[in-house]
Amino acid sequence: MASPSARRQQIVATLVKFGETTVEDLAKELDVSSMTIYRDVAELEASSLVTRRRGMIRATDSSLVESAAAIRIASNSEVKDSLAEAVAGYLRPGLSICLDDSTTNLALLSYLEDLQPATVITNAEFIAKEVRAQHETNLILTGGTYETWADAYTGLVAELGLASVRADVCVMSATAVDLKHHFHPSQAMARVKRAMLASSRFCILAIDASKLERSGLFKVGDLSDFDVIVVDSRLPDDFVSQLEEDGRTVVRA
């Protein structure tokens, strides 16, 4: 039988891959009793790595894991729509637009129909799927190592692909921000985001208030990486004021 530490690592790996599961499914997968899984989950909850509600166990947004893409897509849709509308004001026909694996960028795709011709460069499979349905939009998909939890690509192939292009605009979000920096829980994804910023002429960060409450282990870069920071209306006024005092261009969605 695996040690408690090894079991808990496997539970986290399963949640990173699939987003959510049940005690029963984990017990079958790990060949242990449900009571053993309950104890393991309780320990992971105490470390803020998972949450358990109504029989479902889910990965939390923490410094170790990001919620599965399917869960992220369904959350905060109204906020993402308002952020996308504000970002769209900076776009015009003919641009090449680099989009990271942030689900906020899905809401931006509906504006591309009025911005043709356009080219989208992305590492996110779920964004590429939507772009393929827009027959007039050109698509460049980075390829690389496929990460199931993000439905996106990372690794050297993705980074080299981004280094070979020069996008007009980059639009991305972040798992976490403070007044100086932006962060992501995955080292590999943080590297891809850095490559996107380095390969783009004009960079936009789109964040909502929840990003102030989360943590990310790896620093992607400084907020000075961005020409514009688009925020939702719930972001505290004192936070926005400090960004502006630091010389950031902030737009409220």
C-alpha atoms as a PDB file:
ATOM      1  CA  MET A   1       0.000   0.000   0.000  1.00  0.00           C
ATOM      2  CA  ALA A   2       1.246   3.488  -0.843  1.00  0.00           C
ATOM      3  CA  SER A   3       2.260   5.823   1.967  1.00  0.00           C
ATOM      4  CA  PRO A   4      -0.163   8.591   3.034  1.00  0.00           C
ATOM      5  CA  SER A   5       2.130  11.171   1.412  1.00  0.00           C
ATOM      6  CA  ALA A   6       2.193   9.273  -1.895  1.00  0.00           C
ATOM      7  CA  ARG A   7      -1.598   8.835  -1.845  1.00  0.00           C
ATOM      8  CA  ARG A   8      -2.135  12.542  -1.285  1.00  0.00           C
ATOM      9  CA  GLN A   9       0.195  13.404  -4.122  1.00  0.00           C
ATOM     10  CA  GLN A  10      -1.812  11.090  -6.371  1.00  0.00           C
ATOM     11  CA  ILE A  11      -5.081  12.710  -5.245  1.00  0.00           C
ATOM     12  CA  VAL A  12      -3.722  16.149  -6.110  1.00  0.00           C
ATOM     13  CA  ALA A  13      -2.451  14.859  -9.478  1.00  0.00           C
ATOM     14  CA  THR A  14      -5.890  13.423 -10.267  1.00  0.00           C
ATOM     15  CA  LEU A  15      -7.595  16.709  -9.428  1.00  0.00           C
ATOM     16  CA  VAL A  16      -5.098  18.710 -11.449  1.00  0.00           C
ATOM     17  CA  LYS A  17      -5.842  16.458 -14.428  1.00  0.00           C
ATOM     18  CA  PHE A  18      -9.622  16.155 -14.161  1.00  0.00           C
ATOM     19  CA  GLY A  19     -10.659  19.129 -12.008  1.00  0.00           C
ATOM     20  CA  GLU A  20     -12.931  17.159  -9.687  1.00  0.00           C
ATOM     21  CA  THR A  21     -13.707  13.633  -8.530  1.00  0.00           C
ATOM     22  CA  THR A  22     -15.423  11.700  -5.731  1.00  0.00           C
ATOM     23  CA  VAL A  23     -14.228   9.837  -2.660  1.00  0.00           C
ATOM     24  CA  GLU A  24     -15.549   6.599  -4.157  1.00  0.00           C
ATOM     25  CA  ASP A  25     -13.655   7.033  -7.421  1.00  0.00           C
ATOM     26  CA  LEU A  26     -10.443   7.870  -5.572  1.00  0.00           C
ATOM     27  CA  ALA A  27     -10.851   4.820  -3.342  1.00  0.00           C
ATOM     28  CA  LYS A  28     -11.151   2.595  -6.410  1.00  0.00           C
ATOM     29  CA  GLU A  29      -8.240   4.280  -8.174  1.00  0.00           C
ATOM     30  CA  LEU A  30      -5.922   3.968  -5.175  1.00  0.00           C
ATOM     31  CA  ASP A  31      -7.284   0.611  -3.973  1.00  0.00           C
ATOM     32  CA  VAL A  32      -7.953   1.802  -0.433  1.00  0.00           C
ATOM     33  CA  SER A  33     -11.059   2.265   1.710  1.00  0.00           C
ATOM     34  CA  SER A  34     -13.311   5.308   1.517  1.00  0.00           C
ATOM     35  CA  MET A  35     -12.395   6.144   5.118  1.00  0.00           C
ATOM     36  CA  THR A  36      -8.727   6.308   4.137  1.00  0.00           C
ATOM     37  CA  ILE A  37      -9.578   8.749   1.336  1.00  0.00           C
ATOM     38  CA  TYR A  38     -11.691  10.844   3.708  1.00  0.00           C
ATOM     39  CA  ARG A  39      -8.690  11.170   6.029  1.00  0.00           C
ATOM     40  CA  ASP A  40      -6.372  12.067   3.143  1.00  0.00           C
ATOM     41  CA  VAL A  41      -8.820  14.645   1.817  1.00  0.00           C
ATOM     42  CA  ALA A  42      -9.174  16.170   5.271  1.00  0.00           C
ATOM     43  CA  GLU A  43      -5.410  16.652   5.403  1.00  0.00           C
ATOM     44  CA  LEU A  44      -5.388  18.225   1.932  1.00  0.00           C
ATOM     45  CA  GLU A  45      -8.270  20.513   2.900  1.00  0.00           C
ATOM     46  CA  ALA A  46      -6.318  21.659   5.934  1.00  0.00           C
ATOM     47  CA  SER A  47      -3.501  22.632   3.554  1.00  0.00           C
ATOM     48  CA  SER A  48      -5.949  24.517   1.279  1.00  0.00           C
ATOM     49  CA  LEU A  49      -5.133  22.234  -1.650  1.00  0.00           C
ATOM     50  CA  VAL A  50      -8.626  20.789  -2.159  1.00  0.00           C
ATOM     51  CA  THR A  51     -12.221  21.517  -1.226  1.00  0.00           C
ATOM     52  CA  ARG A  52     -15.032  19.019  -0.618  1.00  0.00           C
ATOM     53  CA  ARG A  53     -18.664  19.964  -1.147  1.00  0.00           C
ATOM     54  CA  ARG A  54     -21.764  17.892  -1.856  1.00  0.00           C
ATOM     55  CA  GLY A  55     -19.741  14.765  -2.421  1.00  0.00           C
ATOM     56  CA  MET A  56     -17.355  16.317  -4.950  1.00  0.00           C
ATOM     57  CA  ILE A  57     -13.676  16.966  -4.317  1.00  0.00           C
ATOM     58  CA  ARG A  58     -12.165  19.824  -6.292  1.00  0.00           C
ATOM     59  CA  ALA A  59      -8.740  21.362  -6.704  1.00  0.00           C
ATOM     60  CA  THR A  60      -8.467  24.824  -5.208  1.00  0.00           C
ATOM     61  CA  ASP A  61      -6.705  27.774  -6.795  1.00  0.00           C
ATOM     62  CA  SER A  62      -3.496  27.712  -4.783  1.00  0.00           C
ATOM     63  CA  SER A  63       0.235  28.066  -5.205  1.00  0.00           C
ATOM     64  CA  LEU A  64       0.381  24.414  -6.309  1.00  0.00           C
ATOM     65  CA  VAL A  65      -2.515  23.852  -8.659  1.00  0.00           C
ATOM     66  CA  GLU A  66      -4.818  25.781 -10.949  1.00  0.00           C
ATOM     67  CA  SER A  67      -8.442  24.749 -11.353  1.00  0.00           C
ATOM     68  CA  ALA A  68      -9.084  22.618 -14.418  1.00  0.00           C
ATOM     69  CA  ALA A  69      -9.859  24.606 -17.549  1.00  0.00           C
ATOM     70  CA  ALA A  70     -13.429  23.322 -17.703  1.00  0.00           C
ATOM     71  CA  ILE A  71     -14.132  24.726 -14.248  1.00  0.00           C
ATOM     72  CA  ARG A  72     -12.419  28.037 -14.988  1.00  0.00           C
ATOM     73  CA  ILE A  73     -14.397  28.538 -18.189  1.00  0.00           C
ATOM     74  CA  ALA A  74     -17.703  28.330 -16.334  1.00  0.00           C
ATOM     75  CA  SER A  75     -16.785  30.753 -13.542  1.00  0.00           C
ATOM     76  CA  ASN A  76     -17.315  34.538 -13.354  1.00  0.00           C
ATOM     77  CA  SER A  77     -18.719  34.734 -16.884  1.00  0.00           C
ATOM     78  CA  GLU A  78     -20.276  38.197 -16.439  1.00  0.00           C
ATOM     79  CA  VAL A  79     -17.020  39.642 -15.136  1.00  0.00           C
ATOM     80  CA  LYS A  80     -15.083  38.089 -18.007  1.00  0.00           C
ATOM     81  CA  ASP A  81     -17.553  39.547 -20.514  1.00  0.00           C
ATOM     82  CA  SER A  82     -17.059  43.049 -19.109  1.00  0.00           C
ATOM     83  CA  LEU A  83     -13.274  42.694 -19.142  1.00  0.00           C
ATOM     84  CA  ALA A  84     -13.350  41.436 -22.735  1.00  0.00           C
ATOM     85  CA  GLU A  85     -15.478  44.394 -23.837  1.00  0.00           C
ATOM     86  CA  ALA A  86     -12.949  46.820 -22.381  1.00  0.00           C
ATOM     87  CA  VAL A  87     -10.016  44.968 -23.951  1.00  0.00           C
ATOM     88  CA  ALA A  88     -11.741  44.926 -27.348  1.00  0.00           C
ATOM     89  CA  GLY A  89     -11.557  48.721 -27.389  1.00  0.00           C
ATOM     90  CA  TYR A  90      -7.817  48.410 -27.955  1.00  0.00           C
ATOM     91  CA  LEU A  91      -8.139  46.112 -30.963  1.00  0.00           C
ATOM     92  CA  ARG A  92      -8.569  46.958 -34.630  1.00  0.00           C
ATOM     93  CA  PRO A  93      -8.785  44.984 -37.886  1.00  0.00           C
ATOM     94  CA  GLY A  94      -5.615  43.408 -39.194  1.00  0.00           C
ATOM     95  CA  LEU A  95      -3.899  42.783 -35.874  1.00  0.00           C
ATOM     96  CA  SER A  96      -2.048  39.670 -34.759  1.00  0.00           C
ATOM     97  CA  ILE A  97      -3.233  38.938 -31.223  1.00  0.00           C
ATOM     98  CA  CYS A  98      -1.429  36.659 -28.763  1.00  0.00           C
ATOM     99  CA  LEU A  99      -3.828  35.061 -26.265  1.00  0.00           C
ATOM    100  CA  ASP A 100      -2.714  33.010 -23.275  1.00  0.00           C
ATOM    101  CA  ASP A 101      -4.660  30.144 -21.697  1.00  0.00           C
ATOM    102  CA  SER A 102      -6.757  32.491 -19.540  1.00  0.00           C
ATOM    103  CA  THR A 103     -10.446  31.720 -19.895  1.00  0.00           C
ATOM    104  CA  THR A 104     -11.103  35.462 -19.846  1.00  0.00           C
ATOM    105  CA  ASN A 105      -9.811  35.447 -23.408  1.00  0.00           C
ATOM    106  CA  LEU A 106     -12.666  33.207 -24.572  1.00  0.00           C
ATOM    107  CA  ALA A 107     -15.071  36.117 -24.135  1.00  0.00           C
ATOM    108  CA  LEU A 108     -12.820  38.245 -26.326  1.00  0.00           C
ATOM    109  CA  LEU A 109     -13.182  35.948 -29.335  1.00  0.00           C
ATOM    110  CA  SER A 110     -16.716  37.126 -30.113  1.00  0.00           C
ATOM    111  CA  TYR A 111     -15.297  40.557 -30.990  1.00  0.00           C
ATOM    112  CA  LEU A 112     -12.972  39.162 -33.657  1.00  0.00           C
ATOM    113  CA  GLU A 113     -15.760  38.851 -36.209  1.00  0.00           C
ATOM    114  CA  ASP A 114     -15.722  42.640 -36.530  1.00  0.00           C
ATOM    115  CA  LEU A 115     -11.923  42.807 -36.624  1.00  0.00           C
ATOM    116  CA  GLN A 116     -11.171  40.831 -39.772  1.00  0.00           C
ATOM    117  CA  PRO A 117      -8.621  40.152 -41.006  1.00  0.00           C
ATOM    118  CA  ALA A 118      -7.121  38.967 -37.714  1.00  0.00           C
ATOM    119  CA  THR A 119      -4.586  36.401 -36.564  1.00  0.00           C
ATOM    120  CA  VAL A 120      -4.724  34.659 -33.182  1.00  0.00           C
ATOM    121  CA  ILE A 121      -1.585  33.157 -31.659  1.00  0.00           C
ATOM    122  CA  THR A 122      -2.278  30.942 -28.645  1.00  0.00           C
ATOM    123  CA  ASN A 123      -1.070  28.027 -26.567  1.00  0.00           C
ATOM    124  CA  ALA A 124      -4.625  27.151 -25.450  1.00  0.00           C
ATOM    125  CA  GLU A 125      -6.468  24.328 -27.184  1.00  0.00           C
ATOM    126  CA  PHE A 126      -9.871  25.541 -25.957  1.00  0.00           C
ATOM    127  CA  ILE A 127      -9.229  28.939 -27.548  1.00  0.00           C
ATOM    128  CA  ALA A 128      -7.937  27.368 -30.765  1.00  0.00           C
ATOM    129  CA  LYS A 129     -11.126  25.289 -31.007  1.00  0.00           C
ATOM    130  CA  GLU A 130     -13.259  28.431 -31.019  1.00  0.00           C
ATOM    131  CA  VAL A 131     -10.982  30.258 -33.448  1.00  0.00           C
ATOM    132  CA  ARG A 132     -11.173  27.370 -35.923  1.00  0.00           C
ATOM    133  CA  ALA A 133     -14.920  27.961 -36.137  1.00  0.00           C
ATOM    134  CA  GLN A 134     -14.232  31.549 -37.225  1.00  0.00           C
ATOM    135  CA  HIS A 135     -13.197  30.777 -40.772  1.00  0.00           C
ATOM    136  CA  GLU A 136     -11.862  34.269 -41.496  1.00  0.00           C
ATOM    137  CA  THR A 137      -9.520  34.335 -38.481  1.00  0.00           C
ATOM    138  CA  ASN A 138      -6.020  32.961 -38.966  1.00  0.00           C
ATOM    139  CA  LEU A 139      -4.786  30.654 -36.226  1.00  0.00           C
ATOM    140  CA  ILE A 140      -1.269  29.934 -34.998  1.00  0.00           C
ATOM    141  CA  LEU A 141      -1.237  27.257 -32.278  1.00  0.00           C
ATOM    142  CA  THR A 142       2.095  26.960 -30.485  1.00  0.00           C
ATOM    143  CA  GLY A 143       2.060  23.222 -29.891  1.00  0.00           C
ATOM    144  CA  GLY A 144       4.316  21.790 -27.212  1.00  0.00           C
ATOM    145  CA  THR A 145       3.679  19.604 -24.183  1.00  0.00           C
ATOM    146  CA  TYR A 146      -0.069  19.231 -23.692  1.00  0.00           C
ATOM    147  CA  GLU A 147      -1.240  19.956 -20.134  1.00  0.00           C
ATOM    148  CA  THR A 148      -4.631  18.334 -19.538  1.00  0.00           C
ATOM    149  CA  TRP A 149      -5.480  20.471 -16.509  1.00  0.00           C
ATOM    150  CA  ALA A 150      -5.070  23.669 -18.526  1.00  0.00           C
ATOM    151  CA  ASP A 151      -6.153  22.332 -21.945  1.00  0.00           C
ATOM    152  CA  ALA A 152      -3.080  24.163 -23.200  1.00  0.00           C
ATOM    153  CA  TYR A 153       0.539  23.659 -24.262  1.00  0.00           C
ATOM    154  CA  THR A 154       3.788  24.438 -22.455  1.00  0.00           C
ATOM    155  CA  GLY A 155       7.441  23.536 -22.796  1.00  0.00           C
ATOM    156  CA  LEU A 156      10.354  24.291 -25.075  1.00  0.00           C
ATOM    157  CA  VAL A 157       8.402  23.795 -28.307  1.00  0.00           C
ATOM    158  CA  ALA A 158       5.792  26.350 -27.218  1.00  0.00           C
ATOM    159  CA  GLU A 159       8.448  28.821 -26.081  1.00  0.00           C
ATOM    160  CA  LEU A 160      10.474  28.515 -29.307  1.00  0.00           C
ATOM    161  CA  GLY A 161       7.333  28.928 -31.387  1.00  0.00           C
ATOM    162  CA  LEU A 162       6.484  32.157 -29.597  1.00  0.00           C
ATOM    163  CA  ALA A 163      10.045  33.409 -29.975  1.00  0.00           C
ATOM    164  CA  SER A 164       9.699  33.093 -33.756  1.00  0.00           C
ATOM    165  CA  VAL A 165       6.762  35.540 -34.048  1.00  0.00           C
ATOM    166  CA  ARG A 166       6.123  39.194 -33.259  1.00  0.00           C
ATOM    167  CA  ALA A 167       2.498  39.836 -32.260  1.00  0.00           C
ATOM    168  CA  ASP A 168       0.886  43.254 -32.350  1.00  0.00           C
ATOM    169  CA  VAL A 169      -1.016  42.705 -29.102  1.00  0.00           C
ATOM    170  CA  CYS A 170      -0.825  40.276 -26.193  1.00  0.00           C
ATOM    171  CA  VAL A 171      -3.814  39.792 -23.901  1.00  0.00           C
ATOM    172  CA  MET A 172      -3.440  37.704 -20.757  1.00  0.00           C
ATOM    173  CA  SER A 173      -4.684  37.302 -17.236  1.00  0.00           C
ATOM    174  CA  ALA A 174      -2.932  36.064 -14.101  1.00  0.00           C
ATOM    175  CA  THR A 175      -3.646  33.631 -11.315  1.00  0.00           C
ATOM    176  CA  ALA A 176      -2.535  36.174  -8.727  1.00  0.00           C
ATOM    177  CA  VAL A 177      -1.285  39.761  -8.595  1.00  0.00           C
ATOM    178  CA  ASP A 178       0.078  42.206  -6.073  1.00  0.00           C
ATOM    179  CA  LEU A 179       0.976  45.849  -6.601  1.00  0.00           C
ATOM    180  CA  LYS A 180       4.232  44.985  -8.338  1.00  0.00           C
ATOM    181  CA  HIS A 181       4.067  41.500  -9.874  1.00  0.00           C
ATOM    182  CA  HIS A 182       1.892  38.840 -11.507  1.00  0.00           C
ATOM    183  CA  PHE A 183       2.087  35.124 -10.686  1.00  0.00           C
ATOM    184  CA  HIS A 184       1.096  31.648 -11.845  1.00  0.00           C
ATOM    185  CA  PRO A 185       1.156  28.293  -9.979  1.00  0.00           C
ATOM    186  CA  SER A 186       2.802  26.411 -12.863  1.00  0.00           C
ATOM    187  CA  GLN A 187       6.451  27.050 -13.625  1.00  0.00           C
ATOM    188  CA  ALA A 188       6.031  25.769 -17.180  1.00  0.00           C
ATOM    189  CA  MET A 189       3.040  28.025 -17.834  1.00  0.00           C
ATOM    190  CA  ALA A 190       4.832  31.002 -16.304  1.00  0.00           C
ATOM    191  CA  ARG A 191       7.632  30.522 -18.850  1.00  0.00           C
ATOM    192  CA  VAL A 192       5.140  30.445 -21.733  1.00  0.00           C
ATOM    193  CA  LYS A 193       3.547  33.661 -20.503  1.00  0.00           C
ATOM    194  CA  ARG A 194       6.944  35.332 -20.349  1.00  0.00           C
ATOM    195  CA  ALA A 195       7.599  34.250 -23.926  1.00  0.00           C
ATOM    196  CA  MET A 196       4.278  35.744 -25.029  1.00  0.00           C
ATOM    197  CA  LEU A 197       5.082  39.079 -23.411  1.00  0.00           C
ATOM    198  CA  ALA A 198       8.548  39.144 -24.967  1.00  0.00           C
ATOM    199  CA  SER A 199       7.071  38.434 -28.422  1.00  0.00           C
ATOM    200  CA  SER A 200       4.420  41.188 -28.370  1.00  0.00           C
ATOM    201  CA  ARG A 201       4.531  44.913 -29.078  1.00  0.00           C
ATOM    202  CA  PHE A 202       1.588  45.998 -26.870  1.00  0.00           C
ATOM    203  CA  CYS A 203       0.531  44.027 -23.772  1.00  0.00           C
ATOM    204  CA  ILE A 204      -2.767  44.068 -21.875  1.00  0.00           C
ATOM    205  CA  LEU A 205      -3.446  42.449 -18.500  1.00  0.00           C
ATOM    206  CA  ALA A 206      -7.097  41.674 -17.692  1.00  0.00           C
ATOM    207  CA  ILE A 207      -7.817  40.842 -14.040  1.00  0.00           C
ATOM    208  CA  ASP A 208     -10.764  40.702 -11.665  1.00  0.00           C
ATOM    209  CA  ALA A 209     -10.821  41.226  -7.907  1.00  0.00           C
ATOM    210  CA  SER A 210     -10.395  37.510  -7.169  1.00  0.00           C
ATOM    211  CA  LYS A 211      -6.763  37.710  -8.325  1.00  0.00           C
ATOM    212  CA  LEU A 212      -5.910  39.662  -5.171  1.00  0.00           C
ATOM    213  CA  GLU A 213      -7.148  36.776  -3.008  1.00  0.00           C
ATOM    214  CA  ARG A 214      -5.131  34.028  -4.689  1.00  0.00           C
ATOM    215  CA  SER A 215      -1.510  32.987  -4.595  1.00  0.00           C
ATOM    216  CA  GLY A 216       0.870  31.782  -7.275  1.00  0.00           C
ATOM    217  CA  LEU A 217       4.220  30.182  -6.605  1.00  0.00           C
ATOM    218  CA  PHE A 218       6.061  31.468  -9.673  1.00  0.00           C
ATOM    219  CA  LYS A 219       6.501  35.109 -10.606  1.00  0.00           C
ATOM    220  CA  VAL A 220       5.731  35.631 -14.279  1.00  0.00           C
ATOM    221  CA  GLY A 221       6.992  39.204 -14.240  1.00  0.00           C
ATOM    222  CA  ASP A 222       6.345  42.790 -13.223  1.00  0.00           C
ATOM    223  CA  LEU A 223       3.151  44.734 -13.798  1.00  0.00           C
ATOM    224  CA  SER A 224       5.353  47.127 -15.766  1.00  0.00           C
ATOM    225  CA  ASP A 225       5.320  44.401 -18.459  1.00  0.00           C
ATOM    226  CA  PHE A 226       1.894  45.704 -19.469  1.00  0.00           C
ATOM    227  CA  ASP A 227       0.937  48.846 -21.343  1.00  0.00           C
ATOM    228  CA  VAL A 228      -2.623  48.668 -19.997  1.00  0.00           C
ATOM    229  CA  ILE A 229      -4.207  46.895 -17.019  1.00  0.00           C
ATOM    230  CA  VAL A 230      -7.948  46.283 -17.374  1.00  0.00           C
ATOM    231  CA  VAL A 231      -9.711  45.613 -14.056  1.00  0.00           C
ATOM    232  CA  ASP A 232     -13.255  44.858 -12.974  1.00  0.00           C
ATOM    233  CA  SER A 233     -15.339  47.248 -10.890  1.00  0.00           C
ATOM    234  CA  ARG A 234     -14.839  45.251  -7.680  1.00  0.00           C
ATOM    235  CA  LEU A 235     -11.113  45.910  -7.494  1.00  0.00           C
ATOM    236  CA  PRO A 236     -10.514  48.089  -4.390  1.00  0.00           C
ATOM    237  CA  ASP A 237     -10.141  51.789  -5.104  1.00  0.00           C
ATOM    238  CA  ASP A 238      -6.976  52.040  -3.021  1.00  0.00           C
ATOM    239  CA  PHE A 239      -5.370  49.238  -5.033  1.00  0.00           C
ATOM    240  CA  VAL A 240      -6.240  50.939  -8.322  1.00  0.00           C
ATOM    241  CA  SER A 241      -5.041  54.304  -7.027  1.00  0.00           C
ATOM    242  CA  GLN A 242      -1.696  52.824  -6.017  1.00  0.00           C
ATOM    243  CA  LEU A 243      -1.287  51.248  -9.456  1.00  0.00           C
ATOM    244  CA  GLU A 244      -1.923  54.623 -11.057  1.00  0.00           C
ATOM    245  CA  GLU A 245       0.509  56.337  -8.673  1.00  0.00           C
ATOM    246  CA  ASP A 246       3.097  53.787  -9.761  1.00  0.00           C
ATOM    247  CA  GLY A 247       2.585  54.892 -13.359  1.00  0.00           C
ATOM    248  CA  ARG A 248       0.318  52.087 -14.569  1.00  0.00           C
ATOM    249  CA  THR A 249      -2.456  52.792 -17.070  1.00  0.00           C
ATOM    250  CA  VAL A 250      -5.561  51.291 -15.480  1.00  0.00           C
ATOM    251  CA  VAL A 251      -8.961  50.920 -17.166  1.00  0.00           C
ATOM    252  CA  ARG A 252     -12.035  49.879 -15.194  1.00  0.00           C
ATOM    253  CA  ALA A 253     -14.360  47.538 -17.073  1.00  0.00           C
END
